[in-house]
């Protein structure tokens, strides 16, 4: 892990920050492409003195494709990507959803993953144990009233990963880590009946990065579930 450079797409978000902090503390160089560079200022302060390195990369106006050349110049070059894009939301029923709200859900929760893959998977070509990881949640498996867009895009995100993996033969392994409970401290979750701790979240992602034999889909449930 110490010599690995990881691109953390969505690394400025709630779950992404958990993964970024863990990897930097374990010696990785972690590059976070983001439209909100200032959102990571506090994390940078907390990680001062860690054995790894946090590199904040302002996202190009063209999106991931415009940012990829900057990431390609990192030393060492990226050999892993962790994409924590999208998130949780509660809103109208699917049949009441306005067309622009549906389009935003597709863009934020699904198209964002495709654009990240198109830009960042080529960066991994030729790297030892190249790995691309997406995070997902219980909404990909269980329909939840009020979160239909997340249900639909979560399930589609899983198939997107599988389809890309089936088409890609350049030595990159693809994995999804799916968290089956709310992550502790995320205020978007209303009265969750179970939670996952930050150490569980970080450990699951790190475990996939470290294990070439990891299954493509890794489900992470709270202890005792």
C-alpha atoms as a PDB file:
ATOM      1  CA  UNK A   1       0.000   0.000   0.000  1.00  0.00           C
ATOM      2  CA  UNK A   2       2.825   2.463   0.768  1.00  0.00           C
ATOM      3  CA  UNK A   3       3.879   2.825  -2.859  1.00  0.00           C
ATOM      4  CA  UNK A   4       0.346   2.954  -4.274  1.00  0.00           C
ATOM      5  CA  UNK A   5      -1.212   6.117  -5.673  1.00  0.00           C
ATOM      6  CA  UNK A   6      -5.003   6.050  -5.419  1.00  0.00           C
ATOM      7  CA  UNK A   7      -7.407   8.365  -7.241  1.00  0.00           C
ATOM      8  CA  UNK A   8     -10.394   8.995  -4.953  1.00  0.00           C
ATOM      9  CA  UNK A   9     -13.270  10.177  -7.146  1.00  0.00           C
ATOM     10  CA  UNK A  10     -15.825  11.656  -4.773  1.00  0.00           C
ATOM     11  CA  UNK A  11     -13.149  11.854  -2.101  1.00  0.00           C
ATOM     12  CA  UNK A  12     -14.521  15.165  -0.788  1.00  0.00           C
ATOM     13  CA  UNK A  13     -17.848  13.552   0.116  1.00  0.00           C
ATOM     14  CA  UNK A  14     -18.825  11.989   3.418  1.00  0.00           C
ATOM     15  CA  UNK A  15     -17.873   8.401   2.609  1.00  0.00           C
ATOM     16  CA  UNK A  16     -14.991   9.405   0.366  1.00  0.00           C
ATOM     17  CA  UNK A  17     -13.309  11.352   3.166  1.00  0.00           C
ATOM     18  CA  UNK A  18     -13.330   8.237   5.367  1.00  0.00           C
ATOM     19  CA  UNK A  19     -11.525   6.251   2.681  1.00  0.00           C
ATOM     20  CA  UNK A  20      -9.086   9.060   1.854  1.00  0.00           C
ATOM     21  CA  UNK A  21      -8.062   9.552   5.492  1.00  0.00           C
ATOM     22  CA  UNK A  22      -7.474   5.837   6.012  1.00  0.00           C
ATOM     23  CA  UNK A  23      -5.334   5.432   2.903  1.00  0.00           C
ATOM     24  CA  UNK A  24      -3.178   8.498   3.610  1.00  0.00           C
ATOM     25  CA  UNK A  25      -2.594   7.281   7.168  1.00  0.00           C
ATOM     26  CA  UNK A  26      -1.436   3.967   5.720  1.00  0.00           C
ATOM     27  CA  UNK A  27       1.131   5.550   3.437  1.00  0.00           C
ATOM     28  CA  UNK A  28      -0.676   6.000   0.131  1.00  0.00           C
ATOM     29  CA  UNK A  29      -0.603   9.027  -2.101  1.00  0.00           C
ATOM     30  CA  UNK A  30      -4.297   9.861  -2.536  1.00  0.00           C
ATOM     31  CA  UNK A  31      -5.372  12.263  -5.282  1.00  0.00           C
ATOM     32  CA  UNK A  32      -8.844  13.761  -4.944  1.00  0.00           C
ATOM     33  CA  UNK A  33     -10.243  15.420  -8.084  1.00  0.00           C
ATOM     34  CA  UNK A  34     -12.962  17.780  -6.857  1.00  0.00           C
ATOM     35  CA  UNK A  35     -14.932  20.873  -7.752  1.00  0.00           C
ATOM     36  CA  UNK A  36     -14.677  21.910  -4.083  1.00  0.00           C
ATOM     37  CA  UNK A  37     -10.943  21.969  -3.234  1.00  0.00           C
ATOM     38  CA  UNK A  38     -11.566  23.989  -0.086  1.00  0.00           C
ATOM     39  CA  UNK A  39     -13.787  21.243   1.292  1.00  0.00           C
ATOM     40  CA  UNK A  40     -10.665  19.205   2.019  1.00  0.00           C
ATOM     41  CA  UNK A  41      -8.716  21.903   3.875  1.00  0.00           C
ATOM     42  CA  UNK A  42      -9.682  20.545   7.294  1.00  0.00           C
ATOM     43  CA  UNK A  43      -8.838  16.984   6.298  1.00  0.00           C
ATOM     44  CA  UNK A  44      -5.430  18.113   5.062  1.00  0.00           C
ATOM     45  CA  UNK A  45      -4.726  19.646   8.466  1.00  0.00           C
ATOM     46  CA  UNK A  46      -5.787  16.460  10.243  1.00  0.00           C
ATOM     47  CA  UNK A  47      -3.507  14.378   8.018  1.00  0.00           C
ATOM     48  CA  UNK A  48      -0.380  16.467   8.562  1.00  0.00           C
ATOM     49  CA  UNK A  49       2.415  14.131   9.631  1.00  0.00           C
ATOM     50  CA  UNK A  50       0.739  11.038   8.146  1.00  0.00           C
ATOM     51  CA  UNK A  51       3.068   8.733   6.188  1.00  0.00           C
ATOM     52  CA  UNK A  52       1.077   9.189   2.999  1.00  0.00           C
ATOM     53  CA  UNK A  53       0.136  12.264   1.011  1.00  0.00           C
ATOM     54  CA  UNK A  54      -3.134  14.009   0.139  1.00  0.00           C
ATOM     55  CA  UNK A  55      -3.147  15.685  -3.286  1.00  0.00           C
ATOM     56  CA  UNK A  56      -6.164  17.875  -4.014  1.00  0.00           C
ATOM     57  CA  UNK A  57      -6.714  18.270  -7.763  1.00  0.00           C
ATOM     58  CA  UNK A  58      -9.260  20.899  -8.893  1.00  0.00           C
ATOM     59  CA  UNK A  59     -11.624  19.158 -11.283  1.00  0.00           C
ATOM     60  CA  UNK A  60     -11.285  20.498 -14.798  1.00  0.00           C
ATOM     61  CA  UNK A  61     -14.391  22.248 -16.199  1.00  0.00           C
ATOM     62  CA  UNK A  62     -14.493  19.434 -18.763  1.00  0.00           C
ATOM     63  CA  UNK A  63     -14.897  16.958 -15.922  1.00  0.00           C
ATOM     64  CA  UNK A  64     -12.860  13.785 -15.317  1.00  0.00           C
ATOM     65  CA  UNK A  65     -11.601  13.639 -18.897  1.00  0.00           C
ATOM     66  CA  UNK A  66      -9.994  17.060 -18.543  1.00  0.00           C
ATOM     67  CA  UNK A  67      -8.470  16.160 -15.174  1.00  0.00           C
ATOM     68  CA  UNK A  68      -6.931  12.842 -16.224  1.00  0.00           C
ATOM     69  CA  UNK A  69      -3.710  14.355 -17.679  1.00  0.00           C
ATOM     70  CA  UNK A  70      -2.905  15.967 -14.319  1.00  0.00           C
ATOM     71  CA  UNK A  71      -3.465  12.665 -12.513  1.00  0.00           C
ATOM     72  CA  UNK A  72      -1.313  10.836 -15.058  1.00  0.00           C
ATOM     73  CA  UNK A  73       1.682  12.963 -14.038  1.00  0.00           C
ATOM     74  CA  UNK A  74       1.564  11.894 -10.377  1.00  0.00           C
ATOM     75  CA  UNK A  75       4.564  10.028  -8.997  1.00  0.00           C
ATOM     76  CA  UNK A  76       4.112   7.130  -8.655  1.00  0.00           C
ATOM     77  CA  UNK A  77       1.399   6.925 -11.313  1.00  0.00           C
ATOM     78  CA  UNK A  78      -2.079   5.881 -10.174  1.00  0.00           C
ATOM     79  CA  UNK A  79      -2.600   2.146  -9.820  1.00  0.00           C
ATOM     80  CA  UNK A  80      -6.017   2.294  -8.132  1.00  0.00           C
ATOM     81  CA  UNK A  81      -9.247   4.262  -8.234  1.00  0.00           C
ATOM     82  CA  UNK A  82     -11.921   4.379  -5.551  1.00  0.00           C
ATOM     83  CA  UNK A  83     -15.115   6.021  -6.838  1.00  0.00           C
ATOM     84  CA  UNK A  84     -17.573   7.126  -4.138  1.00  0.00           C
ATOM     85  CA  UNK A  85     -19.946   9.129  -6.312  1.00  0.00           C
ATOM     86  CA  UNK A  86     -23.596   9.980  -5.807  1.00  0.00           C
ATOM     87  CA  UNK A  87     -25.060   9.350  -2.385  1.00  0.00           C
ATOM     88  CA  UNK A  88     -28.316   9.009  -0.518  1.00  0.00           C
ATOM     89  CA  UNK A  89     -31.449  11.093  -0.975  1.00  0.00           C
ATOM     90  CA  UNK A  90     -35.118  11.028  -0.007  1.00  0.00           C
ATOM     91  CA  UNK A  91     -37.740  12.759  -2.125  1.00  0.00           C
ATOM     92  CA  UNK A  92     -40.929  12.316  -4.135  1.00  0.00           C
ATOM     93  CA  UNK A  93     -42.274   8.983  -5.309  1.00  0.00           C
ATOM     94  CA  UNK A  94     -40.940   7.899  -8.670  1.00  0.00           C
ATOM     95  CA  UNK A  95     -44.286   8.483 -10.359  1.00  0.00           C
ATOM     96  CA  UNK A  96     -44.348  12.043  -9.019  1.00  0.00           C
ATOM     97  CA  UNK A  97     -40.752  12.853  -9.945  1.00  0.00           C
ATOM     98  CA  UNK A  98     -40.244  15.838 -12.235  1.00  0.00           C
ATOM     99  CA  UNK A  99     -38.256  15.173 -15.434  1.00  0.00           C
ATOM    100  CA  UNK A 100     -35.397  17.479 -14.380  1.00  0.00           C
ATOM    101  CA  UNK A 101     -35.122  15.749 -10.992  1.00  0.00           C
ATOM    102  CA  UNK A 102     -34.911  12.351 -12.718  1.00  0.00           C
ATOM    103  CA  UNK A 103     -32.202  13.632 -15.051  1.00  0.00           C
ATOM    104  CA  UNK A 104     -30.209  15.020 -12.108  1.00  0.00           C
ATOM    105  CA  UNK A 105     -30.425  11.653 -10.375  1.00  0.00           C
ATOM    106  CA  UNK A 106     -29.115   9.876 -13.475  1.00  0.00           C
ATOM    107  CA  UNK A 107     -26.320  12.413 -13.902  1.00  0.00           C
ATOM    108  CA  UNK A 108     -25.217  12.431 -10.255  1.00  0.00           C
ATOM    109  CA  UNK A 109     -25.572   8.736  -9.411  1.00  0.00           C
ATOM    110  CA  UNK A 110     -24.935   6.896 -12.665  1.00  0.00           C
ATOM    111  CA  UNK A 111     -23.518   9.004 -15.492  1.00  0.00           C
ATOM    112  CA  UNK A 112     -20.884  10.341 -13.089  1.00  0.00           C
ATOM    113  CA  UNK A 113     -19.614   6.776 -12.646  1.00  0.00           C
ATOM    114  CA  UNK A 114     -19.418   6.199 -16.385  1.00  0.00           C
ATOM    115  CA  UNK A 115     -17.537   9.459 -16.975  1.00  0.00           C
ATOM    116  CA  UNK A 116     -15.097   8.636 -14.172  1.00  0.00           C
ATOM    117  CA  UNK A 117     -14.466   5.164 -15.609  1.00  0.00           C
ATOM    118  CA  UNK A 118     -13.935   6.509 -19.104  1.00  0.00           C
ATOM    119  CA  UNK A 119     -11.328   8.970 -17.821  1.00  0.00           C
ATOM    120  CA  UNK A 120      -9.608   7.045 -15.054  1.00  0.00           C
ATOM    121  CA  UNK A 121      -9.527   3.382 -16.116  1.00  0.00           C
ATOM    122  CA  UNK A 122      -7.001   4.170 -18.903  1.00  0.00           C
ATOM    123  CA  UNK A 123      -4.702   5.702 -16.267  1.00  0.00           C
ATOM    124  CA  UNK A 124      -4.324   2.260 -14.675  1.00  0.00           C
ATOM    125  CA  UNK A 125      -3.154   0.449 -17.812  1.00  0.00           C
ATOM    126  CA  UNK A 126       0.171  -1.297 -17.287  1.00  0.00           C
ATOM    127  CA  UNK A 127       0.291  -0.753 -13.520  1.00  0.00           C
ATOM    128  CA  UNK A 128       0.945  -3.670 -11.174  1.00  0.00           C
ATOM    129  CA  UNK A 129      -2.287  -4.928  -9.589  1.00  0.00           C
ATOM    130  CA  UNK A 130      -4.380  -2.171 -11.135  1.00  0.00           C
ATOM    131  CA  UNK A 131      -7.777  -1.978  -9.433  1.00  0.00           C
ATOM    132  CA  UNK A 132     -10.958   0.078  -9.833  1.00  0.00           C
ATOM    133  CA  UNK A 133     -13.405   0.119  -6.914  1.00  0.00           C
ATOM    134  CA  UNK A 134     -16.883   1.626  -6.744  1.00  0.00           C
ATOM    135  CA  UNK A 135     -18.931   2.019  -3.578  1.00  0.00           C
ATOM    136  CA  UNK A 136     -22.647   1.338  -3.426  1.00  0.00           C
ATOM    137  CA  UNK A 137     -25.336   0.711  -0.846  1.00  0.00           C
ATOM    138  CA  UNK A 138     -28.353  -1.298   0.231  1.00  0.00           C
ATOM    139  CA  UNK A 139     -30.573   0.691  -2.128  1.00  0.00           C
ATOM    140  CA  UNK A 140     -29.082  -1.304  -5.015  1.00  0.00           C
ATOM    141  CA  UNK A 141     -30.709  -4.434  -3.544  1.00  0.00           C
ATOM    142  CA  UNK A 142     -33.836  -3.308  -1.693  1.00  0.00           C
ATOM    143  CA  UNK A 143     -36.551  -0.929  -2.949  1.00  0.00           C
ATOM    144  CA  UNK A 144     -37.030   1.970  -0.539  1.00  0.00           C
ATOM    145  CA  UNK A 145     -40.012   4.302  -0.719  1.00  0.00           C
ATOM    146  CA  UNK A 146     -38.891   7.863  -1.378  1.00  0.00           C
ATOM    147  CA  UNK A 147     -35.492   6.807  -2.680  1.00  0.00           C
ATOM    148  CA  UNK A 148     -36.503   5.309  -6.011  1.00  0.00           C
ATOM    149  CA  UNK A 149     -33.910   7.205  -8.043  1.00  0.00           C
ATOM    150  CA  UNK A 150     -31.144   5.875  -5.790  1.00  0.00           C
ATOM    151  CA  UNK A 151     -32.595   2.353  -6.053  1.00  0.00           C
ATOM    152  CA  UNK A 152     -32.632   2.475  -9.839  1.00  0.00           C
ATOM    153  CA  UNK A 153     -29.248   4.096 -10.316  1.00  0.00           C
ATOM    154  CA  UNK A 154     -27.616   1.904  -7.648  1.00  0.00           C
ATOM    155  CA  UNK A 155     -28.744  -1.248  -9.427  1.00  0.00           C
ATOM    156  CA  UNK A 156     -27.646   0.204 -12.773  1.00  0.00           C
ATOM    157  CA  UNK A 157     -24.283   1.197 -11.317  1.00  0.00           C
ATOM    158  CA  UNK A 158     -23.664  -2.437 -10.390  1.00  0.00           C
ATOM    159  CA  UNK A 159     -24.403  -3.585 -13.930  1.00  0.00           C
ATOM    160  CA  UNK A 160     -22.238  -0.774 -15.318  1.00  0.00           C
ATOM    161  CA  UNK A 161     -19.258  -2.116 -13.375  1.00  0.00           C
ATOM    162  CA  UNK A 162     -19.934  -5.671 -14.497  1.00  0.00           C
ATOM    163  CA  UNK A 163     -20.282  -4.618 -18.130  1.00  0.00           C
ATOM    164  CA  UNK A 164     -17.083  -2.561 -18.092  1.00  0.00           C
ATOM    165  CA  UNK A 165     -15.231  -5.452 -16.445  1.00  0.00           C
ATOM    166  CA  UNK A 166     -16.506  -7.847 -19.129  1.00  0.00           C
ATOM    167  CA  UNK A 167     -15.328  -5.523 -21.897  1.00  0.00           C
ATOM    168  CA  UNK A 168     -11.971  -4.617 -20.372  1.00  0.00           C
ATOM    169  CA  UNK A 169      -9.020  -6.957 -20.863  1.00  0.00           C
ATOM    170  CA  UNK A 170      -6.065  -4.751 -19.895  1.00  0.00           C
ATOM    171  CA  UNK A 171      -5.274  -6.299 -16.523  1.00  0.00           C
ATOM    172  CA  UNK A 172      -7.459  -4.030 -14.382  1.00  0.00           C
ATOM    173  CA  UNK A 173      -9.626  -5.727 -11.774  1.00  0.00           C
ATOM    174  CA  UNK A 174     -13.022  -4.215 -10.960  1.00  0.00           C
ATOM    175  CA  UNK A 175     -14.861  -4.390  -7.647  1.00  0.00           C
ATOM    176  CA  UNK A 176     -17.932  -2.962  -5.935  1.00  0.00           C
ATOM    177  CA  UNK A 177     -18.014  -2.538  -2.154  1.00  0.00           C
ATOM    178  CA  UNK A 178     -21.649  -2.287  -1.105  1.00  0.00           C
ATOM    179  CA  UNK A 179     -22.463  -0.991   2.380  1.00  0.00           C
ATOM    180  CA  UNK A 180     -25.694  -2.540   3.649  1.00  0.00           C
ATOM    181  CA  UNK A 181     -26.330  -0.078   6.487  1.00  0.00           C
ATOM    182  CA  UNK A 182     -26.015   3.624   7.153  1.00  0.00           C
ATOM    183  CA  UNK A 183     -22.531   4.930   7.858  1.00  0.00           C
ATOM    184  CA  UNK A 184     -22.254   6.397  11.335  1.00  0.00           C
ATOM    185  CA  UNK A 185     -22.321  10.184  11.404  1.00  0.00           C
ATOM    186  CA  UNK A 186     -24.047  10.682   8.048  1.00  0.00           C
ATOM    187  CA  UNK A 187     -26.879  13.089   8.799  1.00  0.00           C
ATOM    188  CA  UNK A 188     -28.671  12.242   5.562  1.00  0.00           C
ATOM    189  CA  UNK A 189     -29.803   8.949   7.106  1.00  0.00           C
ATOM    190  CA  UNK A 190     -32.945   9.369   9.193  1.00  0.00           C
ATOM    191  CA  UNK A 191     -33.159   7.126  12.271  1.00  0.00           C
ATOM    192  CA  UNK A 192     -31.224   4.145  10.833  1.00  0.00           C
ATOM    193  CA  UNK A 193     -31.840   0.791  12.508  1.00  0.00           C
ATOM    194  CA  UNK A 194     -28.164  -0.186  12.106  1.00  0.00           C
ATOM    195  CA  UNK A 195     -24.909   1.585  11.330  1.00  0.00           C
ATOM    196  CA  UNK A 196     -21.438   0.817  10.059  1.00  0.00           C
ATOM    197  CA  UNK A 197     -18.448   2.398  11.770  1.00  0.00           C
ATOM    198  CA  UNK A 198     -15.811   4.327   9.889  1.00  0.00           C
ATOM    199  CA  UNK A 199     -13.200   1.637  10.548  1.00  0.00           C
ATOM    200  CA  UNK A 200     -15.483  -0.970   8.955  1.00  0.00           C
ATOM    201  CA  UNK A 201     -15.990   1.213   5.881  1.00  0.00           C
ATOM    202  CA  UNK A 202     -12.299   1.985   5.423  1.00  0.00           C
ATOM    203  CA  UNK A 203     -11.255  -1.588   6.148  1.00  0.00           C
ATOM    204  CA  UNK A 204     -13.613  -3.013   3.526  1.00  0.00           C
ATOM    205  CA  UNK A 205     -12.279  -0.759   0.781  1.00  0.00           C
ATOM    206  CA  UNK A 206      -8.690  -1.299   1.826  1.00  0.00           C
ATOM    207  CA  UNK A 207      -9.248  -5.045   1.905  1.00  0.00           C
ATOM    208  CA  UNK A 208     -10.311  -5.059  -1.737  1.00  0.00           C
ATOM    209  CA  UNK A 209      -7.368  -2.884  -2.756  1.00  0.00           C
ATOM    210  CA  UNK A 210      -4.985  -5.263  -0.979  1.00  0.00           C
ATOM    211  CA  UNK A 211      -6.470  -8.569  -2.146  1.00  0.00           C
ATOM    212  CA  UNK A 212      -6.128  -9.556  -5.815  1.00  0.00           C
ATOM    213  CA  UNK A 213      -8.439 -12.484  -5.064  1.00  0.00           C
ATOM    214  CA  UNK A 214     -11.303 -10.390  -3.709  1.00  0.00           C
ATOM    215  CA  UNK A 215     -14.730 -11.074  -5.254  1.00  0.00           C
ATOM    216  CA  UNK A 216     -16.124  -8.547  -7.658  1.00  0.00           C
ATOM    217  CA  UNK A 217     -19.008  -7.726  -5.284  1.00  0.00           C
ATOM    218  CA  UNK A 218     -18.219  -7.293  -1.601  1.00  0.00           C
ATOM    219  CA  UNK A 219     -21.199  -6.688   0.679  1.00  0.00           C
ATOM    220  CA  UNK A 220     -20.480  -5.129   4.070  1.00  0.00           C
ATOM    221  CA  UNK A 221     -23.097  -5.650   6.791  1.00  0.00           C
ATOM    222  CA  UNK A 222     -23.043  -4.520  10.438  1.00  0.00           C
ATOM    223  CA  UNK A 223     -21.708  -7.073  12.909  1.00  0.00           C
ATOM    224  CA  UNK A 224     -24.340  -9.605  13.810  1.00  0.00           C
ATOM    225  CA  UNK A 225     -26.317  -9.149  10.577  1.00  0.00           C
END
